[in-house]
Amino acid sequence: MNIYWLQTFIKTAETENFREASEELYLSQPSVTKQIQRLEDRLDIRLFERNGKSVRLTPAGLAFLPHAKEIIASFNQNMEEFDAWKQGYTKKLAIACAPQIASAFLPPRLKQFVARFPTIDVHVDIAKSYDIGEKVGSGMVDIGLARMPSAYVNTASIPIHKESVVLAGPVIDQADEAFLLANYRILAHNHPSYWEELLKELKKQNPHLKIMTVSQVDVTKRFIEAGLGISYLPESMIREEQLAGKLSVYPSLAAQKQESVTYLVEKTVTEEARVFKQFLLSVKNERN
């Protein structure tokens, strides 16, 4: 059975239209029709009911569709594994990683890791910290790196890195925290762990704070550069912009009471995940 027949069958089942299927598959419409006919001949059963330009799955087509998808998924997975083998990989490690960690904490460490373990094929899935525990717990990935502990059953969370939180704002001469809080909105909720406690602390002294919710750190930094507000962010996240003179860091007693923690989230540890975990812990000890 030709794998392309199955791909064409699945796409036609999704679109219920030969022309649309042909456009999405970059095939001519006669080619789509011919592949469906050959698949029906091979299975000795009719898969579609034709009605003018549209088509609809027959009961046989509905029954065969999940099997076709399973065959395609297995084929794709096997081809990925074979392609990895051709590149010299013998093992695979899937990591779920929060965006902030992927942009600051992970790159230098991952560079060292792949250099030290060149036969491990690393896949990085960028996900929200809230979702990483579920990805690890369900087996979608081998290990996770999150900004908050996992609440998912049968997972464990280990703190592997801590860093300071700083007050970041537009570049202004002779400004302090009180001036910034009085004149700018706080761009909040871009980090999953410390905002509730931090805002309570700030509102004790400044009950009329103006707050704007911005869920992504990268967007927060662009808003700060544009003069839209200020924020309390992990130090590593704004280092590049600070050095470039795009924003400034200001002294803050409130920021000093907070910290940003990176958690390693695990469940059943694969050999590759164990190696990665030990590597991160060894790097942590070296830096300490």
Protein backbone atom coordinates (compact mmCIF):
# COMPACT_ATOMS: atom_id res chain seq x y z
CA MET A 1 0.00 0.00 0.00
CA ASN A 2 1.38 3.39 -1.02
CA ILE A 3 1.88 5.83 1.87
CA TYR A 4 0.91 8.74 -0.38
CA TRP A 5 -2.50 7.17 -0.99
CA LEU A 6 -3.14 7.27 2.75
CA GLN A 7 -2.01 10.90 3.06
CA THR A 8 -4.32 11.86 0.21
CA PHE A 9 -7.19 9.90 1.75
CA ILE A 10 -6.78 11.68 5.11
CA LYS A 11 -6.60 15.13 3.54
CA THR A 12 -9.65 14.45 1.37
CA ALA A 13 -11.55 13.23 4.43
CA GLU A 14 -10.67 16.50 6.19
CA THR A 15 -11.65 18.80 3.31
CA GLU A 16 -14.49 16.70 1.84
CA ASN A 17 -13.47 18.15 -1.50
CA PHE A 18 -11.05 16.78 -4.12
CA ARG A 19 -10.09 20.24 -5.36
CA GLU A 20 -9.27 21.58 -1.89
CA ALA A 21 -7.33 18.43 -1.07
CA SER A 22 -5.34 18.75 -4.28
CA GLU A 23 -4.45 22.39 -3.48
CA GLU A 24 -3.29 21.57 0.03
CA LEU A 25 -1.27 18.58 -1.17
CA TYR A 26 0.15 20.46 -4.20
CA LEU A 27 -1.22 17.80 -6.54
CA SER A 28 -3.47 17.97 -9.56
CA GLN A 29 -7.11 17.07 -8.95
CA PRO A 30 -6.92 14.05 -11.31
CA SER A 31 -3.94 12.77 -9.26
CA VAL A 32 -5.98 12.99 -6.05
CA THR A 33 -8.89 11.19 -7.67
CA LYS A 34 -6.60 8.46 -9.04
CA GLN A 35 -4.90 7.88 -5.67
CA ILE A 36 -8.25 7.53 -3.91
CA GLN A 37 -9.42 5.09 -6.59
CA ARG A 38 -6.26 2.99 -6.20
CA LEU A 39 -6.68 2.91 -2.43
CA GLU A 40 -10.31 1.82 -2.81
CA ASP A 41 -9.23 -0.89 -5.28
CA ARG A 42 -6.56 -2.09 -2.84
CA LEU A 43 -9.05 -2.26 0.04
CA ASP A 44 -11.82 -3.55 -2.25
CA ILE A 45 -14.34 -1.15 -0.75
CA ARG A 46 -15.73 2.32 -1.42
CA LEU A 47 -14.36 5.01 0.92
CA PHE A 48 -16.21 8.11 -0.35
CA GLU A 49 -19.65 8.98 -1.58
CA ARG A 50 -19.40 11.49 -4.44
CA ASN A 51 -21.91 14.34 -4.56
CA GLY A 52 -20.97 16.84 -7.24
CA LYS A 53 -17.82 18.68 -6.14
CA SER A 54 -18.02 17.47 -2.56
CA VAL A 55 -17.37 14.02 -1.13
CA ARG A 56 -18.31 12.34 2.13
CA LEU A 57 -16.85 9.34 3.89
CA THR A 58 -18.82 6.11 3.66
CA PRO A 59 -19.19 3.95 6.80
CA ALA A 60 -16.16 2.03 5.53
CA GLY A 61 -14.24 5.29 5.11
CA LEU A 62 -15.12 6.36 8.64
CA ALA A 63 -13.94 3.00 9.97
CA PHE A 64 -10.69 3.12 7.99
CA LEU A 65 -9.77 6.75 8.83
CA PRO A 66 -8.28 6.14 12.33
CA HIS A 67 -6.25 3.22 10.97
CA ALA A 68 -4.88 5.42 8.18
CA LYS A 69 -3.90 8.10 10.68
CA GLU A 70 -2.20 5.51 12.88
CA ILE A 71 -0.21 4.15 9.93
CA ILE A 72 0.90 7.67 8.93
CA ALA A 73 1.88 8.57 12.51
CA SER A 74 3.92 5.38 12.83
CA PHE A 75 5.55 5.99 9.46
CA ASN A 76 6.51 9.57 10.36
CA GLN A 77 7.91 8.52 13.73
CA ASN A 78 9.98 5.75 12.17
CA MET A 79 11.33 8.11 9.51
CA GLU A 80 12.27 10.67 12.19
CA GLU A 81 14.14 7.98 14.10
CA PHE A 82 15.91 6.83 10.95
CA ASP A 83 16.85 10.42 10.02
CA ALA A 84 18.22 10.88 13.54
CA TRP A 85 20.28 7.71 13.15
CA LYS A 86 21.71 9.03 9.87
CA GLN A 87 22.82 12.17 11.71
CA GLY A 88 24.65 10.12 14.33
CA TYR A 89 22.04 10.21 17.09
CA THR A 90 21.41 7.05 19.08
CA LYS A 91 19.25 8.48 21.87
CA LYS A 92 16.48 11.06 22.18
CA LEU A 93 15.65 13.61 24.87
CA ALA A 94 12.42 15.66 24.80
CA ILE A 95 12.40 18.76 27.03
CA ALA A 96 9.41 20.99 27.80
CA CYS A 97 10.69 24.47 28.60
CA ALA A 98 9.10 27.77 29.61
CA PRO A 99 9.77 30.64 27.16
CA GLN A 100 11.76 32.75 29.65
CA ILE A 101 14.01 29.78 30.49
CA ALA A 102 14.45 28.90 26.82
CA SER A 103 15.62 32.42 25.97
CA ALA A 104 18.04 33.02 28.87
CA PHE A 105 18.85 30.08 31.15
CA LEU A 106 18.83 27.19 28.68
CA PRO A 107 20.94 28.25 25.63
CA PRO A 108 24.45 28.29 27.19
CA ARG A 109 23.77 25.10 29.14
CA LEU A 110 22.22 23.30 26.18
CA LYS A 111 25.22 24.27 24.05
CA GLN A 112 27.52 22.60 26.57
CA PHE A 113 25.24 19.57 26.86
CA VAL A 114 25.02 18.79 23.13
CA ALA A 115 28.78 19.24 22.82
CA ARG A 116 29.38 16.79 25.65
CA PHE A 117 26.69 14.29 24.53
CA PRO A 118 26.59 14.49 20.73
CA THR A 119 24.65 11.22 20.27
CA ILE A 120 21.57 12.51 22.12
CA ASP A 121 18.95 14.03 19.81
CA VAL A 122 17.43 16.91 21.79
CA HIS A 123 13.89 18.17 21.12
CA VAL A 124 12.72 21.34 22.91
CA ASP A 125 8.98 21.98 23.32
CA ILE A 126 8.26 25.58 24.37
CA ALA A 127 5.30 25.62 26.77
CA LYS A 128 3.83 27.69 29.59
CA SER A 129 5.09 26.81 33.06
CA TYR A 130 1.51 25.91 34.04
CA ASP A 131 1.40 23.20 31.34
CA ILE A 132 4.84 21.65 31.77
CA GLY A 133 3.89 19.37 34.67
CA GLU A 134 1.13 17.82 32.59
CA LYS A 135 3.45 17.29 29.63
CA VAL A 136 5.97 15.52 31.85
CA GLY A 137 3.36 13.57 33.80
CA SER A 138 1.59 12.32 30.67
CA GLY A 139 4.85 11.20 29.06
CA MET A 140 4.71 13.71 26.21
CA VAL A 141 8.24 14.81 27.17
CA ASP A 142 11.04 13.29 29.25
CA ILE A 143 11.73 16.26 31.49
CA GLY A 144 10.67 19.86 32.04
CA LEU A 145 12.11 23.25 32.98
CA ALA A 146 9.53 25.57 34.53
CA ARG A 147 9.25 28.78 36.53
CA MET A 148 6.94 27.14 39.07
CA PRO A 149 6.62 23.73 40.77
CA SER A 150 4.45 21.15 39.03
CA ALA A 151 1.03 20.42 40.53
CA TYR A 152 0.58 17.38 38.27
CA VAL A 153 0.23 14.04 40.06
CA ASN A 154 3.31 11.78 40.26
CA THR A 155 5.74 14.51 39.16
CA ALA A 156 8.55 15.99 41.23
CA SER A 157 9.97 19.53 41.05
CA ILE A 158 13.58 20.31 41.97
CA PRO A 159 14.91 23.90 42.21
CA ILE A 160 18.05 24.04 40.08
CA HIS A 161 18.60 27.76 39.62
CA LYS A 162 17.72 30.98 41.45
CA GLU A 163 18.27 34.55 40.38
CA SER A 164 17.43 38.06 41.53
CA VAL A 165 14.37 40.02 40.45
CA VAL A 166 15.00 43.65 39.47
CA LEU A 167 12.90 46.72 38.73
CA ALA A 168 13.18 47.53 35.02
CA GLY A 169 11.94 50.78 33.54
CA PRO A 170 12.51 53.29 30.73
CA VAL A 171 15.82 55.15 30.67
CA ILE A 172 15.16 58.23 32.85
CA ASP A 173 17.61 60.52 34.63
CA GLN A 174 17.33 60.76 38.43
CA ALA A 175 14.32 58.45 38.78
CA ASP A 176 13.66 56.17 41.72
CA GLU A 177 11.13 53.44 42.54
CA ALA A 178 8.63 55.86 44.12
CA PHE A 179 8.68 58.11 41.02
CA LEU A 180 8.26 55.15 38.66
CA LEU A 181 5.35 53.66 40.64
CA ALA A 182 3.61 57.04 40.73
CA ASN A 183 3.99 57.76 37.01
CA TYR A 184 3.96 54.40 35.18
CA ARG A 185 1.77 51.34 34.99
CA ILE A 186 3.18 48.10 36.35
CA LEU A 187 3.36 45.50 33.58
CA ALA A 188 2.46 42.46 35.68
CA HIS A 189 1.81 38.71 35.55
CA ASN A 190 4.60 37.92 33.06
CA HIS A 191 6.19 35.47 35.52
CA PRO A 192 4.13 32.69 37.13
CA SER A 193 5.53 32.61 40.66
CA TYR A 194 6.04 35.93 42.41
CA TRP A 195 3.49 38.51 41.18
CA GLU A 196 0.73 37.93 43.74
CA GLU A 197 3.07 38.41 46.68
CA LEU A 198 4.91 41.30 45.03
CA LEU A 199 1.73 43.25 44.23
CA LYS A 200 0.48 42.85 47.79
CA GLU A 201 3.76 44.31 49.02
CA LEU A 202 3.61 47.24 46.59
CA LYS A 203 -0.05 48.06 47.31
CA LYS A 204 0.67 48.46 51.03
CA GLN A 205 2.60 51.61 50.22
CA ASN A 206 0.89 52.50 46.93
CA PRO A 207 -2.83 51.56 47.07
CA HIS A 208 -3.61 53.32 43.79
CA LEU A 209 -1.18 51.44 41.57
CA LYS A 210 -2.04 51.20 37.89
CA ILE A 211 -1.51 47.67 36.57
CA MET A 212 -1.49 46.29 33.05
CA THR A 213 -1.45 42.51 32.57
CA VAL A 214 1.11 41.40 29.97
CA SER A 215 1.66 37.65 29.94
CA GLN A 216 4.93 37.47 27.98
CA VAL A 217 8.31 38.78 29.08
CA ASP A 218 9.47 39.70 25.57
CA VAL A 219 6.38 41.84 25.06
CA THR A 220 6.86 43.37 28.51
CA LYS A 221 10.39 44.47 27.57
CA ARG A 222 9.19 46.07 24.33
CA PHE A 223 6.48 47.94 26.27
CA ILE A 224 9.06 49.22 28.76
CA GLU A 225 11.29 50.44 25.92
CA ALA A 226 8.28 52.26 24.45
CA GLY A 227 7.61 54.00 27.78
CA LEU A 228 4.37 52.15 28.47
CA GLY A 229 5.29 50.97 31.94
CA ILE A 230 7.71 49.32 34.34
CA SER A 231 8.07 45.75 35.55
CA TYR A 232 9.82 43.48 38.01
CA LEU A 233 11.70 40.87 35.99
CA PRO A 234 14.39 38.20 36.43
CA GLU A 235 17.78 39.88 36.10
CA SER A 236 18.96 37.67 33.24
CA MET A 237 15.91 38.54 31.15
CA ILE A 238 16.79 42.22 30.80
CA ARG A 239 20.60 42.08 30.80
CA GLU A 240 20.92 42.43 27.01
CA GLU A 241 18.53 45.39 26.82
CA GLN A 242 20.23 47.06 29.79
CA LEU A 243 23.66 46.77 28.19
CA ALA A 244 22.24 48.19 24.95
CA GLY A 245 20.82 51.18 26.83
CA LYS A 246 17.23 50.33 25.91
CA LEU A 247 16.01 50.20 29.52
CA SER A 248 17.38 50.79 33.01
CA VAL A 249 17.42 48.90 36.32
CA TYR A 250 16.46 50.88 39.41
CA PRO A 251 17.06 50.15 43.13
CA SER A 252 14.02 48.44 44.65
CA LEU A 253 13.36 47.11 48.13
CA ALA A 254 10.32 45.21 46.83
CA ALA A 255 12.38 43.47 44.15
CA GLN A 256 15.02 42.42 46.68
CA LYS A 257 12.43 40.32 48.52
CA GLN A 258 11.63 38.25 45.42
CA GLU A 259 13.54 35.68 43.40
CA SER A 260 13.01 33.80 40.17
CA VAL A 261 13.39 30.03 40.48
CA THR A 262 13.92 27.51 37.70
CA TYR A 263 12.49 24.08 38.50
CA LEU A 264 13.41 20.79 36.90
CA VAL A 265 10.19 18.76 36.56
CA GLU A 266 10.45 14.98 36.28
CA LYS A 267 8.45 11.78 36.56
CA THR A 268 9.83 8.42 35.42
CA VAL A 269 13.40 9.34 34.55
CA THR A 270 14.70 7.95 31.28
CA GLU A 271 18.42 7.38 30.87
CA GLU A 272 18.70 10.51 28.70
CA ALA A 273 16.73 12.59 31.23
CA ARG A 274 18.95 11.30 34.05
CA VAL A 275 22.05 12.38 32.11
CA PHE A 276 20.56 15.82 31.45
CA LYS A 277 19.54 16.24 35.09
CA GLN A 278 23.00 15.29 36.36
CA PHE A 279 24.55 17.67 33.85
CA LEU A 280 22.40 20.62 35.03
CA LEU A 281 23.14 19.86 38.68
CA SER A 282 26.86 19.61 37.98
CA VAL A 283 26.82 22.96 36.16
CA LYS A 284 24.92 24.46 39.10
CA ASN A 285 27.53 23.18 41.57
CA GLU A 286 30.38 24.47 39.40
CA ARG A 287 28.83 27.97 39.31
CA ASN A 288 28.19 27.93 43.04
